[in-house]
N, C-alpha and C. Protein backbone atom coordinates (compact mmCIF):
# COMPACT_ATOMS: atom_id res chain seq x y z
N UNK A 1 0.86 -1.17 0.04
CA UNK A 1 0.00 0.00 -0.05
C UNK A 1 0.86 1.24 -0.01
N UNK A 2 0.41 2.26 -0.67
CA UNK A 2 1.14 3.54 -0.76
C UNK A 2 1.42 4.09 0.70
N UNK A 3 2.60 4.61 0.88
CA UNK A 3 2.92 5.16 2.28
C UNK A 3 1.88 6.32 2.50
N UNK A 4 1.54 7.21 1.58
CA UNK A 4 0.70 8.29 1.98
C UNK A 4 -0.70 7.79 2.30
N UNK A 5 -1.26 6.93 1.58
CA UNK A 5 -2.52 6.44 1.94
C UNK A 5 -2.56 5.53 3.17
N UNK A 6 -1.60 4.65 3.19
CA UNK A 6 -1.40 3.82 4.37
C UNK A 6 -1.15 4.54 5.67
N UNK A 7 -0.36 5.52 5.53
CA UNK A 7 0.02 6.26 6.75
C UNK A 7 -1.19 7.23 7.35
N UNK A 8 -1.95 7.60 6.27
CA UNK A 8 -3.07 8.44 6.75
C UNK A 8 -4.12 7.58 7.37
N UNK A 9 -4.46 6.38 6.78
CA UNK A 9 -5.47 5.52 7.35
C UNK A 9 -5.01 4.88 8.68
N UNK A 10 -3.73 4.59 8.71
CA UNK A 10 -3.20 4.02 10.05
C UNK A 10 -3.28 4.97 11.21
N UNK A 11 -2.90 6.12 10.97
CA UNK A 11 -3.05 7.25 11.95
C UNK A 11 -4.45 7.64 12.35
N UNK A 12 -5.27 7.75 11.34
CA UNK A 12 -6.78 7.95 11.56
C UNK A 12 -7.31 6.86 12.44
N UNK A 13 -7.07 5.65 12.08
CA UNK A 13 -7.65 4.49 12.77
C UNK A 13 -7.19 4.47 14.20
N UNK A 14 -5.89 4.57 14.35
CA UNK A 14 -5.31 4.50 15.71
C UNK A 14 -5.79 5.66 16.62
N UNK A 15 -5.76 6.83 16.09
CA UNK A 15 -6.25 7.96 16.96
C UNK A 15 -7.73 8.01 17.20
N UNK A 16 -8.57 7.56 16.29
CA UNK A 16 -9.90 7.38 16.51
C UNK A 16 -10.19 6.39 17.51
N UNK A 17 -9.50 5.24 17.54
CA UNK A 17 -9.67 4.26 18.62
C UNK A 17 -9.34 4.92 20.00
N UNK A 18 -8.24 5.65 20.09
CA UNK A 18 -7.97 6.30 21.33
C UNK A 18 -8.98 7.21 21.80
N UNK A 19 -9.30 7.96 20.86
CA UNK A 19 -10.45 9.13 21.25
C UNK A 19 -11.74 8.42 21.61
N UNK A 20 -12.21 7.49 20.96
CA UNK A 20 -13.42 6.69 21.29
C UNK A 20 -13.21 5.92 22.64
N UNK A 21 -12.08 5.38 22.85
CA UNK A 21 -11.85 4.81 24.19
C UNK A 21 -11.88 5.64 25.41
N UNK A 22 -11.68 7.00 25.15
CA UNK A 22 -11.86 7.96 26.21
C UNK A 22 -13.37 8.09 26.75
N UNK A 23 -14.18 7.57 25.95
CA UNK A 23 -15.67 7.39 26.33
C UNK A 23 -16.32 8.58 26.59
N UNK A 24 -16.18 9.71 25.69
CA UNK A 24 -16.71 10.93 25.86
C UNK A 24 -18.08 10.86 25.02
N UNK A 25 -19.29 11.03 25.76
CA UNK A 25 -20.51 10.90 25.10
C UNK A 25 -20.72 11.94 23.94
N UNK A 26 -20.29 13.14 24.12
CA UNK A 26 -20.41 14.11 22.97
C UNK A 26 -19.72 13.72 21.75
N UNK A 27 -18.33 13.42 21.99
CA UNK A 27 -17.53 12.99 20.89
C UNK A 27 -18.12 11.74 20.24
N UNK A 28 -18.52 10.78 20.87
CA UNK A 28 -19.08 9.59 20.38
C UNK A 28 -20.33 9.79 19.58
N UNK A 29 -21.12 10.81 20.00
CA UNK A 29 -22.45 11.21 19.23
C UNK A 29 -22.01 12.00 17.98
N UNK A 30 -20.95 12.82 18.07
CA UNK A 30 -20.61 13.44 16.74
C UNK A 30 -19.97 12.48 15.78
N UNK A 31 -19.23 11.49 16.22
CA UNK A 31 -18.58 10.59 15.38
C UNK A 31 -19.87 9.72 14.67
N UNK A 32 -20.82 9.37 15.50
CA UNK A 32 -22.01 8.55 15.00
C UNK A 32 -22.85 9.45 13.98
N UNK A 33 -23.08 10.74 14.44
CA UNK A 33 -23.91 11.51 13.53
C UNK A 33 -23.08 11.85 12.08
N UNK A 34 -21.72 11.86 12.17
CA UNK A 34 -20.94 11.98 10.93
C UNK A 34 -21.13 10.75 10.02
N UNK A 35 -21.00 9.52 10.65
CA UNK A 35 -21.24 8.34 10.04
C UNK A 35 -22.54 8.27 9.37
N UNK A 36 -23.50 8.44 10.16
CA UNK A 36 -24.97 8.42 9.65
C UNK A 36 -25.25 9.54 8.55
N UNK A 37 -24.65 10.64 8.61
CA UNK A 37 -24.98 11.66 7.67
C UNK A 37 -24.55 11.29 6.23
N UNK A 38 -23.44 10.36 6.18
CA UNK A 38 -23.00 9.92 4.87
C UNK A 38 -23.58 8.70 4.44
N UNK A 39 -24.53 8.19 5.01
CA UNK A 39 -25.19 6.87 4.66
C UNK A 39 -26.22 7.30 3.46
N UNK A 40 -26.53 6.21 2.64
CA UNK A 40 -27.52 6.41 1.64
C UNK A 40 -28.89 7.05 2.15
N UNK A 41 -29.42 7.95 1.34
CA UNK A 41 -30.52 8.58 1.84
C UNK A 41 -31.24 9.22 0.60
N UNK A 42 -31.89 10.31 0.61
CA UNK A 42 -32.34 10.98 -0.53
C UNK A 42 -31.19 11.30 -1.55
N UNK A 43 -30.02 11.56 -1.02
CA UNK A 43 -28.82 11.69 -1.87
C UNK A 43 -27.98 10.30 -1.78
N UNK A 44 -27.44 9.84 -2.88
CA UNK A 44 -26.67 8.66 -2.74
C UNK A 44 -25.32 8.95 -2.13
N UNK A 45 -24.61 7.96 -1.68
CA UNK A 45 -23.37 8.05 -0.93
C UNK A 45 -22.35 8.81 -1.86
N UNK A 46 -22.24 8.59 -3.11
CA UNK A 46 -21.26 9.17 -3.99
C UNK A 46 -21.49 10.66 -3.97
N UNK A 47 -22.71 11.18 -4.07
CA UNK A 47 -23.00 12.58 -4.03
C UNK A 47 -22.64 13.10 -2.71
N UNK A 48 -23.04 12.46 -1.64
CA UNK A 48 -22.60 13.01 -0.33
C UNK A 48 -21.08 13.07 -0.07
N UNK A 49 -20.38 12.22 -0.64
CA UNK A 49 -18.91 12.23 -0.45
C UNK A 49 -18.31 13.41 -1.22
N UNK A 50 -18.88 13.57 -2.43
CA UNK A 50 -18.40 14.85 -3.19
C UNK A 50 -18.78 16.20 -2.46
N UNK A 51 -19.98 16.08 -1.92
CA UNK A 51 -20.31 17.42 -1.10
C UNK A 51 -19.31 17.53 0.07
N UNK A 52 -18.96 16.47 0.72
CA UNK A 52 -18.09 16.46 1.95
C UNK A 52 -16.73 16.90 1.29
N UNK A 53 -16.32 16.47 0.18
CA UNK A 53 -15.02 16.95 -0.39
C UNK A 53 -14.98 18.34 -0.73
N UNK A 54 -16.00 18.99 -1.27
CA UNK A 54 -16.17 20.30 -1.52
C UNK A 54 -16.00 21.02 -0.17
N UNK A 55 -16.81 20.81 0.81
CA UNK A 55 -16.84 21.55 2.11
C UNK A 55 -15.40 21.29 2.71
N UNK A 56 -14.78 20.17 2.69
CA UNK A 56 -13.62 19.92 3.32
C UNK A 56 -12.50 20.85 2.69
N UNK A 57 -12.49 20.98 1.27
CA UNK A 57 -11.40 21.76 0.62
C UNK A 57 -11.69 23.25 0.89
N UNK A 58 -12.90 23.70 0.89
CA UNK A 58 -13.27 24.99 1.24
C UNK A 58 -12.80 25.37 2.59
N UNK A 59 -13.01 24.47 3.62
CA UNK A 59 -12.65 24.73 4.99
C UNK A 59 -11.14 24.52 5.17
N UNK A 60 -10.49 23.91 4.05
CA UNK A 60 -9.06 23.76 4.12
C UNK A 60 -8.57 22.74 5.18
N UNK A 61 -9.28 21.56 5.19
CA UNK A 61 -9.01 20.55 6.10
C UNK A 61 -8.35 19.40 5.22
N UNK A 62 -7.10 19.28 5.21
CA UNK A 62 -6.48 18.23 4.32
C UNK A 62 -6.74 16.69 4.71
N UNK A 63 -6.95 16.55 6.06
CA UNK A 63 -7.31 15.24 6.53
C UNK A 63 -8.59 14.86 6.06
N UNK A 64 -9.60 15.79 6.13
CA UNK A 64 -10.99 15.72 5.63
C UNK A 64 -11.00 15.47 4.07
N UNK A 65 -10.20 16.19 3.47
CA UNK A 65 -10.17 16.08 1.95
C UNK A 65 -9.74 14.75 1.60
N UNK A 66 -8.71 14.16 2.28
CA UNK A 66 -8.14 12.77 2.00
C UNK A 66 -9.17 11.83 2.35
N UNK A 67 -9.81 12.01 3.44
CA UNK A 67 -10.98 10.97 3.84
C UNK A 67 -12.02 10.93 2.70
N UNK A 68 -12.53 12.07 2.31
CA UNK A 68 -13.53 12.08 1.25
C UNK A 68 -13.16 11.70 -0.04
N UNK A 69 -11.93 11.94 -0.34
CA UNK A 69 -11.32 11.41 -1.66
C UNK A 69 -11.30 9.94 -1.59
N UNK A 70 -10.81 9.36 -0.52
CA UNK A 70 -10.80 7.81 -0.47
C UNK A 70 -12.27 7.22 -0.56
N UNK A 71 -13.11 7.85 0.22
CA UNK A 71 -14.52 7.32 0.14
C UNK A 71 -15.14 7.59 -1.12
N UNK A 72 -14.89 8.72 -1.78
CA UNK A 72 -15.39 8.94 -3.12
C UNK A 72 -14.94 7.90 -4.09
N UNK A 73 -13.57 7.69 -4.13
CA UNK A 73 -13.02 6.71 -4.92
C UNK A 73 -13.57 5.35 -4.73
N UNK A 74 -13.78 5.03 -3.60
CA UNK A 74 -14.43 3.71 -3.11
C UNK A 74 -15.90 3.59 -3.65
N UNK A 75 -16.45 4.74 -3.90
CA UNK A 75 -17.94 4.69 -4.35
C UNK A 75 -18.00 5.00 -5.83
N UNK A 76 -16.89 4.85 -6.63
CA UNK A 76 -17.00 4.92 -8.04
C UNK A 76 -16.81 6.26 -8.68
N UNK A 77 -16.27 7.29 -7.82
CA UNK A 77 -16.07 8.56 -8.52
C UNK A 77 -14.92 8.42 -9.48
N UNK A 78 -15.04 9.04 -10.58
CA UNK A 78 -13.93 8.97 -11.66
C UNK A 78 -13.07 10.26 -11.36
N UNK A 79 -11.91 10.25 -11.93
CA UNK A 79 -10.94 11.32 -11.80
C UNK A 79 -11.58 12.63 -12.36
N UNK A 80 -12.38 12.51 -13.44
CA UNK A 80 -13.01 13.69 -14.04
C UNK A 80 -14.00 14.26 -13.05
N UNK A 81 -14.80 13.39 -12.41
CA UNK A 81 -15.68 13.80 -11.41
C UNK A 81 -15.05 14.54 -10.25
N UNK A 82 -14.00 13.91 -9.80
CA UNK A 82 -13.16 14.44 -8.64
C UNK A 82 -12.71 15.89 -9.01
N UNK A 83 -12.08 15.94 -10.18
CA UNK A 83 -11.54 17.23 -10.68
C UNK A 83 -12.65 18.35 -10.84
N UNK A 84 -13.75 17.90 -11.35
CA UNK A 84 -14.89 18.89 -11.43
C UNK A 84 -15.34 19.34 -10.05
N UNK A 85 -15.40 18.55 -9.15
CA UNK A 85 -15.75 18.76 -7.75
C UNK A 85 -14.63 19.70 -7.11
N UNK A 86 -13.40 19.28 -7.34
CA UNK A 86 -12.40 20.21 -6.76
C UNK A 86 -12.34 21.52 -7.42
N UNK A 87 -12.81 21.63 -8.66
CA UNK A 87 -12.96 22.91 -9.39
C UNK A 87 -13.94 23.77 -8.79
N UNK A 88 -15.07 23.17 -8.35
CA UNK A 88 -16.12 23.92 -7.80
C UNK A 88 -15.52 24.33 -6.36
N UNK A 89 -14.87 23.50 -5.72
CA UNK A 89 -14.36 23.87 -4.37
C UNK A 89 -13.38 25.03 -4.43
N UNK A 90 -12.50 25.07 -5.48
CA UNK A 90 -11.46 26.14 -5.77
C UNK A 90 -12.23 27.40 -6.10
N UNK A 91 -13.30 27.39 -6.85
CA UNK A 91 -14.11 28.37 -7.18
C UNK A 91 -14.76 29.13 -5.88
N UNK A 92 -15.39 28.24 -5.09
CA UNK A 92 -16.07 28.66 -3.89
C UNK A 92 -14.99 29.19 -2.81
N UNK A 93 -13.88 28.44 -2.72
CA UNK A 93 -13.09 28.80 -1.58
C UNK A 93 -11.93 29.80 -2.03
N UNK A 94 -11.75 30.04 -3.41
CA UNK A 94 -10.74 31.00 -3.79
C UNK A 94 -9.40 30.29 -4.00
N UNK A 95 -8.47 31.13 -4.36
CA UNK A 95 -7.12 30.61 -4.71
C UNK A 95 -6.43 29.99 -3.52
N UNK A 96 -6.88 30.36 -2.23
CA UNK A 96 -6.25 29.77 -1.05
C UNK A 96 -6.46 28.37 -1.00
N UNK A 97 -7.31 27.74 -1.81
CA UNK A 97 -7.54 26.29 -1.84
C UNK A 97 -6.65 25.56 -2.71
N UNK A 98 -5.94 26.31 -3.63
CA UNK A 98 -5.07 25.60 -4.53
C UNK A 98 -3.98 24.78 -3.93
N UNK A 99 -3.43 25.14 -2.86
CA UNK A 99 -2.45 24.09 -2.26
C UNK A 99 -3.13 22.85 -1.77
N UNK A 100 -4.40 22.92 -1.43
CA UNK A 100 -5.18 21.72 -1.02
C UNK A 100 -5.50 20.96 -2.22
N UNK A 101 -5.85 21.65 -3.32
CA UNK A 101 -6.02 20.98 -4.60
C UNK A 101 -4.85 20.27 -5.00
N UNK A 102 -3.62 20.77 -4.93
CA UNK A 102 -2.43 20.11 -5.25
C UNK A 102 -2.33 18.76 -4.42
N UNK A 103 -2.52 18.82 -3.11
CA UNK A 103 -2.38 17.70 -2.18
C UNK A 103 -3.55 16.77 -2.60
N UNK A 104 -4.82 17.17 -2.85
CA UNK A 104 -5.71 16.25 -3.19
C UNK A 104 -5.47 15.50 -4.40
N UNK A 105 -4.88 16.22 -5.44
CA UNK A 105 -4.64 15.46 -6.71
C UNK A 105 -3.49 14.39 -6.49
N UNK A 106 -2.59 14.84 -5.76
CA UNK A 106 -1.47 13.77 -5.42
C UNK A 106 -2.11 12.55 -4.61
N UNK A 107 -2.91 12.81 -3.65
CA UNK A 107 -3.54 11.69 -2.90
C UNK A 107 -4.42 10.88 -3.94
N UNK A 108 -5.11 11.49 -4.75
CA UNK A 108 -5.97 10.64 -5.72
C UNK A 108 -4.98 9.82 -6.63
N UNK A 109 -3.86 10.28 -7.08
CA UNK A 109 -2.99 9.42 -7.84
C UNK A 109 -2.42 8.26 -7.06
N UNK A 110 -2.31 8.49 -5.69
CA UNK A 110 -1.90 7.33 -4.81
C UNK A 110 -3.04 6.32 -4.81
N UNK A 111 -4.26 6.74 -4.65
CA UNK A 111 -5.45 5.85 -4.59
C UNK A 111 -5.48 5.04 -5.96
N UNK A 112 -5.21 5.76 -7.00
CA UNK A 112 -5.34 5.00 -8.32
C UNK A 112 -4.21 3.95 -8.42
N UNK A 113 -3.05 4.32 -7.94
CA UNK A 113 -1.90 3.38 -7.98
C UNK A 113 -2.23 2.05 -7.20
N UNK A 114 -2.88 2.28 -6.06
CA UNK A 114 -3.26 1.18 -5.22
C UNK A 114 -4.25 0.21 -5.83
N UNK A 115 -5.02 0.62 -6.77
CA UNK A 115 -5.99 -0.15 -7.31
C UNK A 115 -5.83 -0.41 -8.87
N UNK A 116 -4.64 -0.24 -9.34
CA UNK A 116 -4.33 -0.63 -10.67
C UNK A 116 -3.24 -1.71 -10.83
């Protein structure tokens, strides 16, 4: 597995386990709400992940961008769909989003390498 993708997932999993083990009701509820918000509903999961990707890029959260890129990839998003989504994010967020766009594109390339 690619170091970038592997390292991100390993760190996220390890830290989430520690955080959830602290048994804070509010944090557990937020995690649960986040999980349920991205479940199939009136919008399909693919669309929700793309919405999450835009919001994450505009808010400039690289961890969130990586998470939504991976979930979007797992749900069949194409490179073209991802780039169009990131184009919207860059338009909405402005040029300050460009560094996040660069890292997002790089992470997407790593996801593609893992699955080809």
